[in-house]
Amino acid sequence: MRDKVIILLIVYFTILALYKERESLGCKDNSIIGFFTSNPPCDNYNNQYSRMLREDNLNNPFDVFDRIVIWRRSFILALLIILVYHFSMGYPFDGMKMLTSIIVGTFFIYFSFSFYKYHLDEYIYKEIRTSYKL
């Protein structure tokens, strides 16, 4: 019973993360068939971040990067890595170990994204703003 609840939680958060990521990328077609057959499947001009730059009139255009949701990308990447590892090694399914692995993987990937954003990206944005007087 516990494994079924864990599987449902993983599936729910996976669907939520994928749906929200597609929405932020400007993908409008909710069907999988439409996603693969439409040309192009996502409208880059009308994605969430492009609209923010055009409509919000930000004083600092790099502020749009502060609104990118990193946990979703971290979760999706950790889920893929853990699933490939788990099934390629042929381990018997243990829901608690799987959930723990996904949470720990998400934390480490999120930490690495945040680390590079704080220590590298912010410095680069500051240099660009100074050099181009933005």
Protein backbone atom coordinates (compact mmCIF):
# COMPACT_ATOMS: atom_id res chain seq x y z
CA MET A 1 0.00 0.00 0.00
CA ARG A 2 2.83 2.40 0.91
CA ASP A 3 4.53 1.83 -2.45
CA LYS A 4 1.30 2.65 -4.31
CA VAL A 5 0.96 5.95 -2.46
CA ILE A 6 4.59 6.79 -3.23
CA ILE A 7 4.11 5.95 -6.91
CA LEU A 8 1.02 8.19 -7.00
CA LEU A 9 2.98 11.04 -5.38
CA ILE A 10 5.84 10.67 -7.87
CA VAL A 11 3.43 10.53 -10.82
CA TYR A 12 1.46 13.55 -9.54
CA PHE A 13 4.56 15.74 -9.07
CA THR A 14 5.97 14.58 -12.41
CA ILE A 15 2.79 15.54 -14.27
CA LEU A 16 2.64 18.86 -12.40
CA ALA A 17 6.28 19.68 -13.13
CA LEU A 18 6.05 18.72 -16.81
CA TYR A 19 2.79 20.63 -17.30
CA LYS A 20 4.13 23.80 -15.65
CA GLU A 21 7.42 23.60 -17.56
CA ARG A 22 5.58 23.24 -20.86
CA GLU A 23 3.34 26.15 -19.90
CA SER A 24 6.32 28.38 -19.07
CA LEU A 25 7.92 27.47 -22.42
CA GLY A 26 4.82 28.58 -24.31
CA CYS A 27 3.51 25.12 -25.23
CA LYS A 28 -0.26 25.35 -25.63
CA ASP A 29 -1.29 21.94 -26.97
CA ASN A 30 -2.15 19.69 -24.02
CA SER A 31 -2.23 16.44 -25.97
CA ILE A 32 0.92 14.41 -26.46
CA ILE A 33 0.07 13.77 -30.12
CA GLY A 34 -0.43 17.48 -30.73
CA PHE A 35 2.87 18.25 -29.01
CA PHE A 36 4.79 16.05 -31.44
CA THR A 37 2.81 16.90 -34.59
CA SER A 38 2.39 20.67 -34.29
CA ASN A 39 5.01 22.81 -35.95
CA PRO A 40 6.65 24.19 -33.77
CA PRO A 41 5.22 22.65 -30.61
CA CYS A 42 6.12 25.62 -28.42
CA ASP A 43 5.83 29.33 -29.17
CA ASN A 44 9.10 30.88 -28.02
CA TYR A 45 7.88 34.39 -28.73
CA ASN A 46 4.97 33.98 -26.33
CA ASN A 47 6.59 31.96 -23.60
CA GLN A 48 6.31 33.14 -20.02
CA TYR A 49 9.73 34.81 -19.88
CA SER A 50 9.50 36.59 -23.26
CA ARG A 51 6.11 38.03 -22.27
CA MET A 52 7.57 39.23 -18.95
CA LEU A 53 10.32 41.11 -20.77
CA ARG A 54 7.84 42.78 -23.14
CA GLU A 55 4.93 43.48 -20.81
CA ASP A 56 6.45 44.14 -17.38
CA ASN A 57 8.95 46.79 -18.58
CA LEU A 58 11.62 45.60 -16.19
CA ASN A 59 14.33 48.11 -15.26
CA ASN A 60 16.82 45.27 -15.20
CA PRO A 61 16.18 42.74 -17.98
CA PHE A 62 18.13 40.09 -16.06
CA ASP A 63 15.43 40.04 -13.38
CA VAL A 64 13.51 37.63 -15.60
CA PHE A 65 16.05 34.93 -14.67
CA ASP A 66 15.06 35.30 -11.00
CA ARG A 67 11.57 34.12 -11.91
CA ILE A 68 12.66 30.84 -13.48
CA VAL A 69 11.46 27.96 -11.34
CA ILE A 70 14.51 25.77 -10.76
CA TRP A 71 12.94 23.07 -8.57
CA ARG A 72 10.86 21.73 -11.47
CA ARG A 73 13.87 21.27 -13.72
CA SER A 74 15.83 19.76 -10.84
CA PHE A 75 13.02 17.34 -10.06
CA ILE A 76 12.59 16.25 -13.69
CA LEU A 77 16.31 15.72 -14.14
CA ALA A 78 16.67 13.83 -10.84
CA LEU A 79 13.67 11.66 -11.70
CA LEU A 80 15.15 10.72 -15.07
CA ILE A 81 18.55 9.92 -13.59
CA ILE A 82 17.13 7.83 -10.74
CA LEU A 83 14.73 5.92 -12.99
CA VAL A 84 17.44 5.08 -15.53
CA TYR A 85 19.81 4.02 -12.77
CA HIS A 86 17.17 2.04 -10.90
CA PHE A 87 15.92 0.09 -13.91
CA SER A 88 19.30 -0.40 -15.60
CA MET A 89 20.68 -2.00 -12.43
CA GLY A 90 17.65 -4.26 -12.11
CA TYR A 91 16.92 -3.43 -8.47
CA PRO A 92 13.61 -4.61 -7.02
CA PHE A 93 11.20 -1.72 -6.55
CA ASP A 94 11.25 -0.11 -3.12
CA GLY A 95 9.08 3.00 -3.03
CA MET A 96 10.73 4.61 -0.01
CA LYS A 97 14.24 4.24 -1.47
CA MET A 98 13.03 5.57 -4.81
CA LEU A 99 11.35 8.59 -3.20
CA THR A 100 14.37 9.28 -1.00
CA SER A 101 16.69 9.06 -4.00
CA ILE A 102 14.55 11.45 -6.02
CA ILE A 103 14.36 13.96 -3.14
CA VAL A 104 18.12 13.82 -2.51
CA GLY A 105 18.86 14.05 -6.24
CA THR A 106 16.51 17.01 -6.60
CA PHE A 107 18.23 18.75 -3.68
CA PHE A 108 21.73 18.31 -5.12
CA ILE A 109 20.75 19.38 -8.64
CA TYR A 110 18.81 22.37 -7.24
CA PHE A 111 21.82 23.29 -5.10
CA SER A 112 24.16 23.16 -8.09
CA PHE A 113 21.83 25.34 -10.20
CA SER A 114 21.52 27.82 -7.33
CA PHE A 115 25.26 27.80 -6.63
CA TYR A 116 26.17 28.66 -10.22
CA LYS A 117 23.41 31.23 -10.46
CA TYR A 118 24.61 33.02 -7.33
CA HIS A 119 28.36 32.75 -7.86
CA LEU A 120 28.66 33.02 -11.63
CA ASP A 121 25.50 34.32 -13.28
CA GLU A 122 24.93 37.22 -10.89
CA TYR A 123 28.51 38.38 -11.39
CA ILE A 124 28.16 38.20 -15.18
CA TYR A 125 24.82 40.08 -15.10
CA LYS A 126 26.39 42.78 -12.93
CA GLU A 127 29.31 43.14 -15.33
CA ILE A 128 27.00 43.38 -18.35
CA ARG A 129 24.80 45.99 -16.63
CA THR A 130 27.89 48.01 -15.74
CA SER A 131 29.54 47.70 -19.16
CA TYR A 132 26.40 48.54 -21.13
CA LYS A 133 24.97 50.99 -18.55
CA LEU A 134 21.66 49.13 -18.20
